[in-house]
Amino acid sequence: MYLLLQYDFLFDLVELRDNFLEGQIPATISNLANTDRLVLSNNLLRGNIPVEMGDMTNLAYLDLSANSLTGNIPDVLGNITQLEYLRLDSNKLTGDVPRM
């Protein structure tokens, strides 16, 4: 996953659910700036949701459910004004979902 995220790709859809991905979501995920649908559900991801995800302003669909993510839900997710679908359940996240 790290190699993929070193560059600014022009993917509309990134769907990597059910792939046993491990580790933290890298801050470089924001290099997928043109992506409008990101699905990383049902993996083994842990750690915080990177605040850099707030820069992914084209996202309309974000699914990070069924991982082991921890920490506060970043307020910067409220910067994603196109976001219509947000799924964060089945994690260990705290705090309120920011206003969109």
Protein backbone atom coordinates (compact mmCIF):
# COMPACT_ATOMS: atom_id res chain seq x y z
CA MET A 1 0.00 0.00 0.00
CA TYR A 2 2.89 2.38 0.71
CA LEU A 3 4.27 2.30 -2.84
CA LEU A 4 0.89 3.03 -4.34
CA LEU A 5 0.46 6.15 -2.24
CA GLN A 6 3.75 7.86 -3.02
CA TYR A 7 2.33 9.50 -6.12
CA ASP A 8 -0.77 11.50 -7.03
CA PHE A 9 -2.95 8.99 -8.85
CA LEU A 10 -6.14 9.75 -10.74
CA PHE A 11 -8.32 6.94 -9.43
CA ASP A 12 -12.04 7.60 -9.07
CA LEU A 13 -12.50 4.47 -6.98
CA VAL A 14 -10.08 2.78 -4.59
CA GLU A 15 -11.63 -0.34 -3.12
CA LEU A 16 -9.35 -2.51 -0.99
CA ARG A 17 -11.83 -4.12 1.39
CA ASP A 18 -11.29 -7.66 2.66
CA ASN A 19 -7.57 -7.69 1.78
CA PHE A 20 -5.96 -8.28 5.20
CA LEU A 21 -4.18 -4.92 4.94
CA GLU A 22 -2.20 -4.28 8.14
CA GLY A 23 -0.72 -1.25 9.80
CA GLN A 24 -1.66 2.38 9.83
CA ILE A 25 -3.32 4.35 7.09
CA PRO A 26 -0.42 6.44 5.74
CA ALA A 27 -0.67 10.23 5.67
CA THR A 28 0.14 9.96 1.96
CA ILE A 29 -3.38 8.61 1.41
CA SER A 30 -4.19 12.25 0.64
CA ASN A 31 -2.18 11.84 -2.59
CA LEU A 32 -5.31 10.14 -3.89
CA ALA A 33 -6.83 13.62 -4.05
CA ASN A 34 -9.05 12.89 -7.07
CA THR A 35 -10.59 9.77 -5.59
CA ASP A 36 -14.31 10.08 -4.91
CA ARG A 37 -14.83 6.64 -3.36
CA LEU A 38 -12.42 5.05 -0.85
CA VAL A 39 -13.20 1.68 0.72
CA LEU A 40 -10.72 0.17 3.19
CA SER A 41 -13.22 -1.81 5.27
CA ASN A 42 -12.72 -5.28 6.76
CA ASN A 43 -8.94 -5.13 7.03
CA LEU A 44 -6.49 -5.07 9.92
CA LEU A 45 -5.79 -1.34 9.92
CA ARG A 46 -4.91 0.28 13.25
CA GLY A 47 -3.94 3.65 14.63
CA ASN A 48 -5.51 7.03 13.99
CA ILE A 49 -7.34 8.24 10.94
CA PRO A 50 -4.77 10.59 9.36
CA VAL A 51 -5.78 14.25 9.47
CA GLU A 52 -4.50 14.50 5.89
CA MET A 53 -7.67 12.72 4.81
CA GLY A 54 -9.38 16.08 5.30
CA ASP A 55 -7.55 17.20 2.15
CA MET A 56 -9.39 14.58 0.08
CA THR A 57 -12.16 17.03 -0.76
CA ASN A 58 -13.46 15.03 -3.73
CA LEU A 59 -14.50 12.08 -1.56
CA ALA A 60 -18.20 11.31 -1.72
CA TYR A 61 -17.95 7.83 -0.16
CA LEU A 62 -15.62 6.79 2.66
CA ASP A 63 -15.78 3.39 4.34
CA LEU A 64 -13.20 2.58 7.03
CA SER A 65 -15.43 0.18 8.97
CA ALA A 66 -14.40 -3.13 10.55
CA ASN A 67 -10.77 -2.35 11.31
CA SER A 68 -8.99 -1.56 14.59
CA LEU A 69 -8.73 2.20 14.16
CA THR A 70 -8.35 4.17 17.40
CA GLY A 71 -8.27 7.75 18.62
CA ASN A 72 -10.57 10.66 17.92
CA ILE A 73 -12.48 11.03 14.71
CA PRO A 74 -10.61 13.95 13.08
CA ASP A 75 -12.56 17.21 12.84
CA VAL A 76 -10.96 17.81 9.44
CA LEU A 77 -13.23 15.16 7.94
CA GLY A 78 -15.77 17.98 8.03
CA ASN A 79 -13.71 19.65 5.28
CA ILE A 80 -14.83 16.95 2.86
CA THR A 81 -17.88 18.84 1.64
CA GLN A 82 -18.70 16.29 -1.10
CA LEU A 83 -18.96 13.45 1.44
CA GLU A 84 -22.36 11.75 1.28
CA TYR A 85 -21.52 8.39 2.87
CA LEU A 86 -19.27 7.86 5.89
CA ARG A 87 -18.91 4.51 7.64
CA LEU A 88 -16.62 4.17 10.65
CA ASP A 89 -18.34 1.47 12.72
CA SER A 90 -16.62 -1.58 14.19
CA ASN A 91 -13.50 0.36 15.19
CA LYS A 92 -12.36 1.80 18.52
CA LEU A 93 -12.84 5.44 17.59
CA THR A 94 -13.95 8.15 20.01
CA GLY A 95 -15.53 11.55 19.65
CA ASP A 96 -18.27 12.95 17.50
CA VAL A 97 -18.62 12.73 13.75
CA PRO A 98 -17.82 16.24 12.43
CA ARG A 99 -20.46 18.26 10.69
CA MET A 100 -20.30 17.98 6.95
